[in-house]
Amino acid sequence: MFLLRWLWSNLSGYRGRYITAMVLSVVCQSMYIITPMMSQRIVDTFIVPENSAEIIRTQSDLLIAMVAAMVGFTLLRTCITYCSNMLYETTSQAVVYRVRKKLYDNINMQDATFYHTHRTGDIMTRMSGDMDMVRHSVAWIIKNVLESLVLFIVSIVYFFSMDALTAVCLIALTPVIFIASFIFKRKVRPMYVTLREKLSQMNTLAEENISGNRVVKAFAREDHEIKRFDEKSREYSASNKAAALKWMDFFPTIEITAQALSVIQLVVGGIFAVLGRITVGEFTAFAGLIWTLANPMRNIGTIINDFQRFSASANKIIELYYGRTKIADREDAVELTERMKGDIEFKNVSFSYGKTQVLHDINLKINAGETVAIMGATGSGKTTLTELIARIYDVEDGQVLVDGNDVRMMKLKQLRGGIGVATQDVLLYSDTVEGNIAFGNVNMTDEDVVKCAEIADADGFIRKLSEGYQTIVGERGVGLSGGQKQRIALARAVAVKPSILILDDTTSAVDLETETRIQASLRSLDFDCTKIIIAQRISSAKDADKIVILKDGTISDIGTHSELIQREGYYREVYELQR
């Protein structure tokens, strides 16, 4: 029932249209008894009597009117079916659009922990295949349930109005159908949950191999990855077959029971017609409507099958639909009235990924306008420290302050809008070079885009591309070198004119000459900016106002280049190696 309530809530704005479709379905299914009723009267009035020829001659107008009515009602029923199907389909598409938009909006608002715990392929499955099952439920499953139920009830009522005993004989087998269907539902439900998981695993593997195709080719692992995907595909196929075969276990019971209705109708109806309990016309009506009992019985299995698929998919969607991020704006969040200055302070900050502590008791003050370099061995917590500023994660203990405000008390859009980030692992979108640079500031002029590219020393190579700044960048920057992608990412970070600029090993893939030009440009920005540089090279850090050395999640040393090379420690060791 919860799933149906969830669907109903998403029908808001289209409920009138959907109810109209359901009413038309009820009317249409109710009209199926009209033709057998007319047939019954034609047989009893114009065929069975001994003077049938005389009756036809004298009452030909009535006969023609009844035949015309049968044709007319058939055409009307066809039109009603078309209208109701159109309403169902347009409503289902509107619901899917609304749910998919809500789902995508909610996914975009999730924090980093969400993306660590959910596979990309699984999320894509929820946005595609699972959404199609929602559409299918609105457009077909509910419709089929309603139409089968109405058709069954209307037929039973009509049968009882003709002869109660014959009707009882016909519905005597229905308990068998319902028992078999109940058992089938219990057995097939976990199978569709497993099937949904196998599909997710297959999509995840496909997404990973498509995204990482360069790595696969570099290590000549095509055959291995093809084999892995084949295994996942076989598992998904096996789960599909298992669910289908489970239905085949119950299909004979349901089909034999449905076919038995025709036998009962012929035997019982024939005997009652011979005995005079029912007329030949009524026997004809029973024969003409027996499918209205058999079809709903046959549909039960299909409906249960589809509903279990929908249930497995909808539960996955709802998990994301109602999922809430832990990192969100507080109701009492501070509203900034002016541009951030860029003062940053870490007070007794600690942070862990699960049970693994990454940062411990960090105390650090960065004044507005300063350039601070952060260095340390891999895994020392450099990137995590900067991610706490923009609330990619929230601290476990302590505080991160920006301009004296706890970042947890600031509005996320304002906080992150004042921070520019360029990372070593660059993600470029399938857009023009200009579009990628202006990603954070879509109102930039062409001149501003070029200026940002010049700061990142990217203007030269961009102009040599086939379409210059209008060149379409392939997915994830395919076709560009690592250094070119890093420079576009740097231009993108500078384009928002941030109060805080975080460069996470941004120039690791460029040569020293290019790095020198970039550093010179960053020192002469035309806006006030606090710069935090995560670096592995001494050349990237030596001109910083201060250099912070992290070791095992704590600050082991702080100083300028000249100070740090005078004393033993990590910085001096790196300096000696890179000299």
Protein backbone atom coordinates (compact mmCIF):
# COMPACT_ATOMS: atom_id res chain seq x y z
CA MET A 1 0.00 0.00 0.00
CA PHE A 2 2.90 2.35 0.69
CA LEU A 3 4.03 2.06 -2.93
CA LEU A 4 0.56 2.96 -4.17
CA ARG A 5 0.39 5.94 -1.81
CA TRP A 6 3.79 7.05 -3.11
CA LEU A 7 2.55 6.82 -6.69
CA TRP A 8 -0.60 8.73 -5.78
CA SER A 9 1.44 11.53 -4.22
CA ASN A 10 3.40 11.86 -7.46
CA LEU A 11 0.19 12.01 -9.49
CA SER A 12 -0.45 15.47 -8.05
CA GLY A 13 -1.61 17.72 -10.87
CA TYR A 14 -2.60 14.73 -13.02
CA ARG A 15 -4.99 12.97 -10.67
CA GLY A 16 -8.08 14.27 -12.49
CA ARG A 17 -6.74 12.96 -15.79
CA TYR A 18 -5.85 9.61 -14.23
CA ILE A 19 -9.22 9.22 -12.52
CA THR A 20 -10.89 10.03 -15.86
CA ALA A 21 -8.85 7.27 -17.48
CA MET A 22 -9.90 4.84 -14.76
CA VAL A 23 -13.58 5.81 -15.14
CA LEU A 24 -13.31 5.26 -18.90
CA SER A 25 -11.75 1.84 -18.20
CA VAL A 26 -14.68 0.93 -15.96
CA VAL A 27 -17.19 2.10 -18.58
CA CYS A 28 -15.38 0.27 -21.37
CA GLN A 29 -15.14 -3.03 -19.47
CA SER A 30 -18.79 -2.78 -18.42
CA MET A 31 -19.80 -2.41 -22.08
CA TYR A 32 -18.39 -5.84 -22.94
CA ILE A 33 -21.60 -7.46 -21.72
CA ILE A 34 -23.76 -5.43 -24.13
CA THR A 35 -22.91 -7.53 -27.21
CA PRO A 36 -23.70 -10.88 -25.48
CA MET A 37 -26.93 -9.35 -24.14
CA MET A 38 -27.91 -8.33 -27.66
CA SER A 39 -26.88 -11.75 -28.98
CA GLN A 40 -29.03 -13.43 -26.33
CA ARG A 41 -32.08 -11.43 -27.35
CA ILE A 42 -31.49 -11.95 -31.09
CA VAL A 43 -31.17 -15.73 -30.60
CA ASP A 44 -34.24 -16.03 -28.35
CA THR A 45 -36.36 -13.65 -30.46
CA PHE A 46 -35.35 -14.29 -34.07
CA ILE A 47 -33.66 -17.72 -34.26
CA VAL A 48 -35.09 -20.14 -31.68
CA PRO A 49 -38.86 -19.69 -32.34
CA GLU A 50 -40.40 -22.03 -34.96
CA ASN A 51 -41.78 -19.04 -36.90
CA SER A 52 -38.42 -17.27 -36.86
CA ALA A 53 -38.67 -16.40 -40.59
CA GLU A 54 -41.99 -14.65 -40.05
CA ILE A 55 -40.65 -12.79 -37.01
CA ILE A 56 -37.60 -11.63 -38.93
CA ARG A 57 -39.81 -10.38 -41.76
CA THR A 58 -42.24 -8.55 -39.54
CA GLN A 59 -39.67 -7.19 -37.04
CA SER A 60 -36.75 -6.55 -39.38
CA ASP A 61 -36.42 -2.99 -38.15
CA LEU A 62 -35.82 -4.24 -34.60
CA LEU A 63 -33.26 -6.78 -35.81
CA ILE A 64 -31.40 -4.15 -37.85
CA ALA A 65 -31.47 -1.75 -34.90
CA MET A 66 -30.04 -4.37 -32.56
CA VAL A 67 -27.24 -5.33 -34.98
CA ALA A 68 -26.48 -1.63 -35.55
CA ALA A 69 -26.40 -1.11 -31.80
CA MET A 70 -23.91 -3.97 -31.42
CA VAL A 71 -21.67 -2.43 -34.10
CA GLY A 72 -22.08 1.05 -32.61
CA PHE A 73 -21.24 -0.04 -29.08
CA THR A 74 -18.18 -1.89 -30.40
CA LEU A 75 -16.95 1.27 -32.15
CA LEU A 76 -17.74 3.36 -29.08
CA ARG A 77 -15.85 0.91 -26.87
CA THR A 78 -12.87 1.16 -29.23
CA CYS A 79 -12.89 4.97 -29.02
CA ILE A 80 -13.15 4.89 -25.23
CA THR A 81 -10.25 2.42 -25.05
CA TYR A 82 -8.12 4.71 -27.22
CA CYS A 83 -8.91 7.77 -25.09
CA SER A 84 -8.25 5.96 -21.81
CA ASN A 85 -4.95 4.54 -23.10
CA MET A 86 -3.82 8.00 -24.17
CA LEU A 87 -4.68 9.38 -20.72
CA TYR A 88 -2.84 6.53 -18.99
CA GLU A 89 0.23 6.99 -21.18
CA THR A 90 0.46 10.78 -20.91
CA THR A 91 -0.07 10.58 -17.15
CA SER A 92 2.57 7.90 -16.72
CA GLN A 93 5.10 9.94 -18.70
CA ALA A 94 4.36 13.00 -16.55
CA VAL A 95 4.82 10.97 -13.36
CA VAL A 96 8.12 9.50 -14.58
CA TYR A 97 9.36 12.95 -15.53
CA ARG A 98 8.49 14.28 -12.07
CA VAL A 99 10.02 11.36 -10.19
CA ARG A 100 13.18 11.33 -12.33
CA LYS A 101 13.65 15.08 -11.84
CA LYS A 102 13.11 14.75 -8.10
CA LEU A 103 15.49 11.80 -8.00
CA TYR A 104 18.20 13.62 -9.95
CA ASP A 105 17.80 16.76 -7.83
CA ASN A 106 18.11 14.67 -4.68
CA ILE A 107 21.15 12.79 -5.97
CA ASN A 108 22.89 16.08 -6.77
CA MET A 109 22.27 17.32 -3.24
CA GLN A 110 23.83 14.26 -1.59
CA ASP A 111 27.13 14.53 0.24
CA ALA A 112 30.37 12.72 -0.62
CA THR A 113 29.54 9.79 1.69
CA PHE A 114 26.58 8.94 -0.54
CA TYR A 115 28.82 8.54 -3.58
CA HIS A 116 31.24 6.41 -1.59
CA THR A 117 28.49 3.95 -0.67
CA HIS A 118 26.48 3.85 -3.93
CA ARG A 119 27.86 2.45 -7.15
CA THR A 120 27.50 4.56 -10.28
CA GLY A 121 25.97 1.68 -12.22
CA ASP A 122 23.38 1.16 -9.49
CA ILE A 123 22.40 4.84 -9.54
CA MET A 124 22.10 4.73 -13.34
CA THR A 125 19.89 1.64 -13.11
CA ARG A 126 17.57 3.48 -10.75
CA MET A 127 17.42 6.44 -13.12
CA SER A 128 16.66 4.29 -16.18
CA GLY A 129 15.37 0.71 -15.89
CA ASP A 130 13.72 1.21 -12.50
CA MET A 131 12.02 4.38 -13.72
CA ASP A 132 10.59 2.49 -16.68
CA MET A 133 8.97 0.04 -14.27
CA VAL A 134 7.30 3.00 -12.53
CA ARG A 135 5.95 4.17 -15.87
CA HIS A 136 4.82 0.62 -16.66
CA SER A 137 2.96 0.35 -13.36
CA VAL A 138 1.04 3.60 -13.92
CA ALA A 139 0.30 2.95 -17.59
CA TRP A 140 -0.37 -0.77 -17.51
CA ILE A 141 -0.29 -2.65 -14.18
CA ILE A 142 -2.89 -0.55 -12.35
CA LYS A 143 -4.96 -0.29 -15.53
CA ASN A 144 -4.87 -4.06 -16.03
CA VAL A 145 -5.81 -4.75 -12.41
CA LEU A 146 -8.78 -2.39 -12.63
CA GLU A 147 -9.98 -3.68 -15.99
CA SER A 148 -9.65 -7.35 -15.00
CA LEU A 149 -11.48 -6.73 -11.72
CA VAL A 150 -14.33 -4.75 -13.33
CA LEU A 151 -14.72 -7.24 -16.18
CA PHE A 152 -14.84 -10.16 -13.73
CA ILE A 153 -17.37 -8.50 -11.41
CA VAL A 154 -19.66 -7.23 -14.18
CA SER A 155 -19.66 -10.66 -15.83
CA ILE A 156 -20.44 -12.44 -12.55
CA VAL A 157 -23.33 -10.05 -11.86
CA TYR A 158 -24.71 -10.63 -15.36
CA PHE A 159 -24.30 -14.41 -15.03
CA PHE A 160 -26.18 -14.43 -11.73
CA SER A 161 -28.94 -12.31 -13.27
CA MET A 162 -29.44 -15.02 -15.92
CA ASP A 163 -29.02 -18.14 -13.76
CA ALA A 164 -27.43 -18.30 -10.31
CA LEU A 165 -26.66 -22.03 -10.38
CA THR A 166 -24.79 -21.82 -13.68
CA ALA A 167 -22.86 -18.81 -12.35
CA VAL A 168 -21.87 -20.69 -9.19
CA CYS A 169 -20.62 -23.63 -11.26
CA LEU A 170 -18.47 -21.27 -13.35
CA ILE A 171 -16.82 -19.49 -10.42
CA ALA A 172 -16.26 -22.65 -8.39
CA LEU A 173 -12.68 -22.90 -9.64
CA THR A 174 -11.62 -19.33 -8.80
CA PRO A 175 -10.27 -20.27 -5.31
CA VAL A 176 -7.72 -22.51 -7.06
CA ILE A 177 -6.47 -19.51 -9.03
CA PHE A 178 -6.16 -17.28 -5.98
CA ILE A 179 -4.31 -19.92 -3.91
CA ALA A 180 -1.84 -20.60 -6.72
CA SER A 181 -1.32 -16.86 -7.23
CA PHE A 182 -0.67 -16.26 -3.53
CA ILE A 183 1.96 -19.02 -3.41
CA PHE A 184 3.55 -17.69 -6.62
CA LYS A 185 3.76 -14.16 -5.19
CA ARG A 186 5.63 -15.35 -2.08
CA LYS A 187 8.11 -17.36 -4.09
CA VAL A 188 8.83 -14.87 -6.87
CA ARG A 189 9.30 -11.71 -4.80
CA PRO A 190 12.86 -12.46 -3.53
CA MET A 191 13.79 -13.61 -7.02
CA TYR A 192 13.04 -10.17 -8.47
CA VAL A 193 15.02 -8.48 -5.70
CA THR A 194 18.00 -10.66 -6.70
CA LEU A 195 17.32 -9.97 -10.39
CA ARG A 196 17.39 -6.22 -9.75
CA GLU A 197 20.73 -6.54 -7.92
CA LYS A 198 22.25 -8.59 -10.76
CA LEU A 199 21.21 -5.90 -13.25
CA SER A 200 22.82 -3.25 -11.07
CA GLN A 201 26.08 -5.22 -10.87
CA MET A 202 26.16 -5.69 -14.63
CA ASN A 203 25.57 -1.97 -15.28
CA THR A 204 28.21 -1.01 -12.72
CA LEU A 205 30.82 -3.20 -14.39
CA ALA A 206 29.91 -1.83 -17.82
CA GLU A 207 30.17 1.78 -16.57
CA GLU A 208 33.56 1.15 -14.93
CA ASN A 209 35.01 -0.42 -18.06
CA ILE A 210 33.67 2.27 -20.38
CA SER A 211 35.03 5.03 -18.12
CA GLY A 212 38.32 3.23 -17.60
CA ASN A 213 38.81 2.01 -21.16
CA ARG A 214 42.26 3.60 -21.36
CA VAL A 215 43.48 1.64 -18.36
CA VAL A 216 42.04 -1.56 -19.78
CA LYS A 217 43.84 -1.01 -23.07
CA ALA A 218 47.07 0.09 -21.38
CA PHE A 219 47.27 -3.22 -19.53
CA ALA A 220 45.87 -5.28 -22.43
CA ARG A 221 43.06 -6.54 -20.18
CA GLU A 222 40.30 -6.50 -22.80
CA ASP A 223 39.84 -10.29 -22.71
CA HIS A 224 39.78 -10.33 -18.92
CA GLU A 225 37.19 -7.55 -18.70
CA ILE A 226 35.08 -9.13 -21.43
CA LYS A 227 35.11 -12.34 -19.42
CA ARG A 228 34.11 -10.48 -16.23
CA PHE A 229 31.22 -8.77 -17.98
CA ASP A 230 30.16 -12.06 -19.55
CA GLU A 231 30.01 -13.61 -16.07
CA LYS A 232 27.82 -10.77 -14.77
CA SER A 233 25.66 -10.97 -17.87
CA ARG A 234 25.25 -14.72 -17.40
CA GLU A 235 24.28 -14.21 -13.76
CA TYR A 236 21.65 -11.65 -14.79
CA SER A 237 20.39 -13.97 -17.53
CA ALA A 238 20.23 -16.89 -15.09
CA SER A 239 18.23 -14.80 -12.60
CA ASN A 240 15.86 -13.77 -15.39
CA LYS A 241 15.40 -17.37 -16.46
CA ALA A 242 14.84 -18.51 -12.88
CA ALA A 243 12.07 -15.95 -12.40
CA ALA A 244 10.50 -16.88 -15.74
CA LEU A 245 10.67 -20.60 -14.98
CA LYS A 246 9.11 -20.02 -11.58
CA TRP A 247 6.14 -18.51 -13.37
CA MET A 248 6.03 -21.55 -15.66
CA ASP A 249 5.66 -23.75 -12.57
CA PHE A 250 2.34 -22.06 -11.85
CA PHE A 251 1.24 -21.31 -15.42
CA PRO A 252 -0.21 -24.80 -16.11
CA THR A 253 -2.40 -24.63 -12.99
CA ILE A 254 -3.78 -21.22 -13.93
CA GLU A 255 -4.17 -22.03 -17.63
CA ILE A 256 -5.86 -25.40 -17.03
CA THR A 257 -8.24 -23.80 -14.55
CA ALA A 258 -9.07 -21.02 -17.02
CA GLN A 259 -9.65 -23.53 -19.84
CA ALA A 260 -11.78 -25.65 -17.53
CA LEU A 261 -14.30 -22.80 -17.44
CA SER A 262 -15.11 -23.41 -21.10
CA VAL A 263 -15.64 -27.10 -20.42
CA ILE A 264 -17.92 -26.36 -17.47
CA GLN A 265 -19.86 -23.86 -19.55
CA LEU A 266 -20.36 -26.35 -22.37
CA VAL A 267 -21.33 -29.25 -20.11
CA VAL A 268 -23.36 -27.49 -17.41
CA GLY A 269 -24.81 -24.89 -19.77
CA GLY A 270 -25.71 -27.51 -22.35
CA ILE A 271 -27.47 -29.69 -19.77
CA PHE A 272 -29.38 -26.71 -18.35
CA ALA A 273 -30.37 -25.59 -21.87
CA VAL A 274 -31.67 -29.07 -22.70
CA LEU A 275 -33.58 -29.18 -19.41
CA GLY A 276 -35.03 -25.75 -20.12
CA ARG A 277 -33.43 -24.11 -17.10
CA ILE A 278 -31.79 -21.55 -19.38
CA THR A 279 -32.70 -20.47 -22.89
CA VAL A 280 -30.56 -21.03 -25.96
CA GLY A 281 -29.94 -17.28 -26.02
CA GLU A 282 -28.71 -17.36 -22.42
CA PHE A 283 -26.48 -20.34 -23.28
CA THR A 284 -25.08 -18.25 -26.14
CA ALA A 285 -24.50 -15.32 -23.78
CA PHE A 286 -22.69 -17.60 -21.32
CA ALA A 287 -20.52 -18.90 -24.16
CA GLY A 288 -19.81 -15.39 -25.44
CA LEU A 289 -18.76 -14.11 -22.02
CA ILE A 290 -16.81 -17.06 -20.67
CA TRP A 291 -13.57 -15.28 -21.72
CA THR A 292 -14.44 -12.43 -19.33
CA LEU A 293 -13.85 -14.87 -16.48
CA ALA A 294 -10.95 -16.77 -18.03
CA ASN A 295 -8.88 -13.73 -19.06
CA PRO A 296 -8.81 -12.04 -15.64
CA MET A 297 -7.72 -15.38 -14.16
CA ARG A 298 -4.92 -15.65 -16.70
CA ASN A 299 -3.93 -12.03 -16.03
CA ILE A 300 -3.44 -12.64 -12.32
CA GLY A 301 -0.08 -14.29 -12.87
CA THR A 302 1.13 -11.60 -15.26
CA ILE A 303 -0.04 -8.86 -12.91
CA ILE A 304 1.74 -10.44 -9.93
CA ASN A 305 4.86 -10.88 -12.07
CA ASP A 306 4.89 -7.22 -13.11
CA PHE A 307 3.97 -5.93 -9.68
CA GLN A 308 6.86 -7.78 -8.06
CA ARG A 309 9.22 -6.27 -10.63
CA PHE A 310 7.75 -2.86 -9.92
CA SER A 311 8.05 -3.41 -6.17
CA ALA A 312 11.75 -4.31 -6.43
CA SER A 313 12.44 -1.27 -8.62
CA ALA A 314 10.26 1.19 -6.69
CA ASN A 315 11.88 0.31 -3.36
CA LYS A 316 15.28 1.17 -4.85
CA ILE A 317 13.94 4.45 -6.21
CA ILE A 318 12.25 5.39 -2.95
CA GLU A 319 15.51 4.81 -1.08
CA LEU A 320 17.01 7.69 -3.08
CA TYR A 321 13.75 9.64 -3.40
CA TYR A 322 13.45 10.16 0.34
CA GLY A 323 17.20 10.08 1.03
CA ARG A 324 18.42 13.17 2.81
CA THR A 325 21.97 14.47 2.96
CA LYS A 326 23.51 15.09 6.35
CA ILE A 327 25.29 18.13 4.98
CA ALA A 328 22.58 20.72 4.43
CA ASP A 329 21.66 24.28 5.33
CA ARG A 330 20.57 24.80 8.92
CA GLU A 331 17.43 26.81 9.55
CA ASP A 332 19.49 29.35 11.51
CA ALA A 333 22.30 29.51 8.92
CA VAL A 334 24.12 32.83 8.56
CA GLU A 335 23.17 34.93 5.54
CA LEU A 336 26.25 36.58 4.05
CA THR A 337 25.71 40.18 2.98
CA GLU A 338 29.11 40.74 1.37
CA ARG A 339 31.86 38.85 -0.39
CA MET A 340 33.87 36.48 1.78
CA LYS A 341 37.27 37.82 2.82
CA GLY A 342 38.98 34.43 2.95
CA ASP A 343 40.08 34.10 6.58
CA ILE A 344 40.25 30.39 7.47
CA GLU A 345 40.81 28.74 10.83
CA PHE A 346 40.86 25.12 11.91
CA LYS A 347 40.18 24.66 15.63
CA ASN A 348 40.92 21.25 17.14
CA VAL A 349 39.65 19.56 13.98
CA SER A 350 39.40 15.77 13.79
CA PHE A 351 37.87 13.64 11.06
CA SER A 352 37.54 9.94 10.23
CA TYR A 353 36.41 7.83 7.28
CA GLY A 354 34.42 5.22 9.11
CA LYS A 355 36.80 3.74 11.70
CA THR A 356 39.92 5.17 10.01
CA GLN A 357 41.01 8.46 11.52
CA VAL A 358 42.41 10.81 8.86
CA LEU A 359 42.85 14.08 10.77
CA HIS A 360 43.51 14.56 14.46
CA ASP A 361 43.44 17.77 16.50
CA ILE A 362 44.33 20.15 13.64
CA ASN A 363 44.85 23.81 14.61
CA LEU A 364 45.71 26.17 11.76
CA LYS A 365 45.08 29.84 10.99
CA ILE A 366 45.17 31.16 7.43
CA ASN A 367 44.78 34.89 6.97
CA ALA A 368 42.86 36.40 4.08
CA GLY A 369 45.05 36.87 1.01
CA GLU A 370 47.73 34.45 2.16
CA THR A 371 49.14 31.69 0.01
CA VAL A 372 49.51 28.50 2.03
CA ALA A 373 51.05 25.28 0.73
CA ILE A 374 50.16 21.92 2.26
CA MET A 375 52.59 19.06 1.84
CA GLY A 376 52.90 15.57 3.21
CA ALA A 377 53.15 11.93 2.31
CA THR A 378 50.33 10.18 0.47
CA GLY A 379 47.42 9.54 2.86
CA SER A 380 48.45 12.22 5.34
CA GLY A 381 45.08 14.00 5.00
CA LYS A 382 45.97 16.94 2.71
CA THR A 383 42.93 16.77 0.41
CA THR A 384 40.56 15.92 3.25
CA LEU A 385 41.69 19.01 5.16
CA THR A 386 40.73 21.30 2.27
CA GLU A 387 37.46 19.45 1.65
CA LEU A 388 36.33 20.35 5.17
CA ILE A 389 36.40 24.04 4.19
CA ALA A 390 33.72 23.62 1.52
CA ARG A 391 31.81 21.10 3.67
CA ILE A 392 32.35 18.23 1.26
CA TYR A 393 32.57 16.53 4.64
CA ASP A 394 31.72 17.82 8.10
CA VAL A 395 34.19 17.66 10.97
CA GLU A 396 33.65 15.13 13.72
CA ASP A 397 35.25 17.30 16.39
CA GLY A 398 36.30 20.92 16.42
CA GLN A 399 35.41 23.73 14.05
CA VAL A 400 36.31 25.05 10.62
CA LEU A 401 35.81 28.82 10.50
CA VAL A 402 35.62 31.06 7.44
CA ASP A 403 35.66 34.79 8.22
CA GLY A 404 34.96 33.84 11.84
CA ASN A 405 31.82 31.83 10.96
CA ASP A 406 31.57 28.11 11.54
CA VAL A 407 31.10 26.69 8.03
CA ARG A 408 28.26 24.53 9.39
CA MET A 409 26.39 27.76 10.16
CA MET A 410 26.80 29.17 6.64
CA LYS A 411 24.53 28.62 3.65
CA LEU A 412 26.11 26.00 1.41
CA LYS A 413 25.50 27.90 -1.82
CA GLN A 414 27.15 31.03 -0.48
CA LEU A 415 30.03 29.12 1.10
CA ARG A 416 30.83 27.00 -1.93
CA GLY A 417 30.14 29.89 -4.29
CA GLY A 418 33.09 31.70 -2.73
CA ILE A 419 35.48 28.76 -3.15
CA GLY A 420 37.22 27.74 -6.37
CA VAL A 421 38.64 24.22 -6.58
CA ALA A 422 40.95 22.64 -9.13
CA THR A 423 41.96 19.04 -8.54
CA GLN A 424 44.62 16.75 -9.93
CA ASP A 425 41.97 14.27 -11.11
CA VAL A 426 40.18 16.55 -13.56
CA LEU A 427 36.60 16.03 -14.72
CA LEU A 428 35.68 17.92 -17.88
CA TYR A 429 32.17 17.80 -19.31
CA SER A 430 31.14 16.95 -22.86
CA ASP A 431 30.89 20.62 -23.75
CA THR A 432 32.98 23.28 -25.45
CA VAL A 433 36.24 24.43 -23.91
CA GLU A 434 34.52 27.75 -23.25
CA GLY A 435 31.59 25.99 -21.57
CA ASN A 436 33.94 24.06 -19.28
CA ILE A 437 35.80 27.20 -18.24
CA ALA A 438 32.57 29.11 -17.63
CA PHE A 439 30.96 26.17 -15.78
CA GLY A 440 30.77 28.04 -12.47
CA ASN A 441 29.92 31.42 -14.01
CA VAL A 442 27.71 31.08 -17.07
CA ASN A 443 27.42 34.86 -17.49
CA MET A 444 31.10 35.30 -18.35
CA THR A 445 31.99 37.25 -21.46
CA ASP A 446 34.28 35.81 -24.11
CA GLU A 447 36.98 38.22 -22.99
CA ASP A 448 36.75 36.98 -19.39
CA VAL A 449 36.98 33.36 -20.53
CA VAL A 450 40.16 34.14 -22.47
CA LYS A 451 41.58 36.05 -19.51
CA CYS A 452 41.03 33.05 -17.19
CA ALA A 453 42.63 30.76 -19.76
CA GLU A 454 45.65 33.08 -19.93
CA ILE A 455 46.03 32.95 -16.13
CA ALA A 456 46.13 29.13 -16.40
CA ASP A 457 48.54 29.35 -19.36
CA ALA A 458 45.92 27.55 -21.46
CA ASP A 459 45.12 30.16 -24.10
CA GLY A 460 47.97 29.08 -26.36
CA PHE A 461 47.03 25.44 -26.79
CA ILE A 462 43.26 26.20 -26.81
CA ARG A 463 43.64 28.45 -29.86
CA LYS A 464 45.45 25.63 -31.66
CA LEU A 465 42.48 23.27 -31.22
CA SER A 466 40.30 22.64 -34.28
CA GLU A 467 37.54 25.05 -33.20
CA GLY A 468 39.47 27.04 -30.61
CA TYR A 469 37.35 27.84 -27.57
CA GLN A 470 34.32 26.28 -29.30
CA THR A 471 35.99 22.90 -29.61
CA ILE A 472 33.85 20.16 -28.08
CA VAL A 473 35.75 18.38 -25.34
CA GLY A 474 35.16 14.64 -25.35
CA GLU A 475 33.70 12.88 -22.33
CA ARG A 476 35.98 13.43 -19.31
CA GLY A 477 38.36 15.43 -21.52
CA VAL A 478 39.20 12.65 -23.98
CA GLY A 479 41.61 14.01 -26.58
CA LEU A 480 43.40 16.38 -24.20
CA SER A 481 46.61 15.67 -22.34
CA GLY A 482 46.73 15.55 -18.56
CA GLY A 483 48.42 18.94 -18.38
CA GLN A 484 45.90 20.52 -20.76
CA LYS A 485 42.99 19.22 -18.69
CA GLN A 486 44.59 20.52 -15.50
CA ARG A 487 45.01 23.99 -16.99
CA ILE A 488 41.37 24.12 -18.14
CA ALA A 489 40.33 23.04 -14.64
CA LEU A 490 42.48 25.81 -13.16
CA ALA A 491 40.88 28.36 -15.51
CA ARG A 492 37.47 27.06 -14.40
CA ALA A 493 38.38 27.54 -10.75
CA VAL A 494 39.69 31.08 -11.32
CA ALA A 495 36.62 32.01 -13.41
CA VAL A 496 34.34 32.29 -10.38
CA LYS A 497 36.74 34.85 -8.83
CA PRO A 498 36.72 32.96 -5.53
CA SER A 499 37.64 34.31 -2.14
CA ILE A 500 39.36 31.00 -1.47
CA LEU A 501 41.20 29.16 -4.24
CA ILE A 502 42.13 25.53 -3.56
CA LEU A 503 44.63 23.94 -5.93
CA ASP A 504 44.98 20.22 -5.26
CA ASP A 505 48.22 19.25 -7.03
CA THR A 506 46.85 21.11 -10.03
CA THR A 507 50.12 21.53 -11.89
CA SER A 508 51.47 18.01 -11.36
CA ALA A 509 51.09 17.18 -15.06
CA VAL A 510 52.64 20.34 -16.49
CA ASP A 511 56.29 21.11 -17.09
CA LEU A 512 58.27 23.42 -14.78
CA GLU A 513 58.29 26.28 -17.29
CA THR A 514 54.49 26.22 -17.58
CA GLU A 515 54.17 25.91 -13.80
CA THR A 516 56.35 29.00 -13.33
CA ARG A 517 54.13 31.04 -15.68
CA ILE A 518 50.98 29.84 -13.90
CA GLN A 519 52.39 30.75 -10.49
CA ALA A 520 53.30 34.21 -11.74
CA SER A 521 49.76 34.70 -13.02
CA LEU A 522 48.23 33.51 -9.75
CA ARG A 523 50.31 36.01 -7.80
CA SER A 524 48.88 38.88 -9.85
CA LEU A 525 45.16 38.05 -9.81
CA ASP A 526 42.90 41.11 -10.12
CA PHE A 527 40.77 40.02 -7.13
CA ASP A 528 41.54 39.27 -3.49
CA CYS A 529 41.99 35.59 -2.91
CA THR A 530 43.32 33.21 -0.26
CA LYS A 531 45.21 30.39 -1.99
CA ILE A 532 45.70 26.91 -0.61
CA ILE A 533 48.07 24.79 -2.66
CA ILE A 534 48.36 21.05 -2.10
CA ALA A 535 51.70 20.15 -3.59
CA GLN A 536 54.24 17.41 -4.07
CA ARG A 537 56.80 19.63 -5.81
CA ILE A 538 59.00 22.06 -3.92
CA SER A 539 58.64 24.41 -6.91
CA SER A 540 54.90 24.65 -6.25
CA ALA A 541 55.28 25.40 -2.54
CA LYS A 542 58.49 27.41 -2.08
CA ASP A 543 56.93 30.86 -2.72
CA ALA A 544 54.03 30.32 -0.30
CA ASP A 545 53.64 32.60 2.73
CA LYS A 546 53.78 29.48 4.85
CA ILE A 547 54.06 25.78 4.27
CA VAL A 548 52.14 23.26 6.38
CA ILE A 549 53.52 19.73 6.69
CA LEU A 550 51.02 16.98 7.52
CA LYS A 551 52.06 13.62 8.89
CA ASP A 552 49.60 10.88 9.85
CA GLY A 553 46.74 13.38 10.07
CA THR A 554 48.48 15.91 12.29
CA ILE A 555 50.54 19.04 11.63
CA SER A 556 54.17 18.10 12.07
CA ASP A 557 55.71 21.41 10.98
CA ILE A 558 54.89 24.90 9.73
CA GLY A 559 57.19 27.49 8.24
CA THR A 560 58.44 29.24 5.13
CA HIS A 561 60.65 27.62 2.53
CA SER A 562 63.80 29.16 3.96
CA GLU A 563 62.87 28.08 7.50
CA LEU A 564 61.93 24.50 6.64
CA ILE A 565 65.04 23.71 4.65
CA GLN A 566 67.13 24.70 7.65
CA ARG A 567 65.73 21.96 9.90
CA GLU A 568 65.39 18.21 9.67
CA GLY A 569 62.06 16.86 8.50
CA TYR A 570 59.84 15.89 5.57
CA TYR A 571 60.21 19.17 3.66
CA ARG A 572 63.99 19.13 3.74
CA GLU A 573 64.05 15.49 2.60
CA VAL A 574 61.83 16.30 -0.39
CA TYR A 575 63.90 19.40 -1.12
CA GLU A 576 67.10 17.35 -1.20
CA LEU A 577 65.53 14.77 -3.51
CA GLN A 578 64.14 17.34 -5.98
CA ARG A 579 67.07 19.74 -6.00
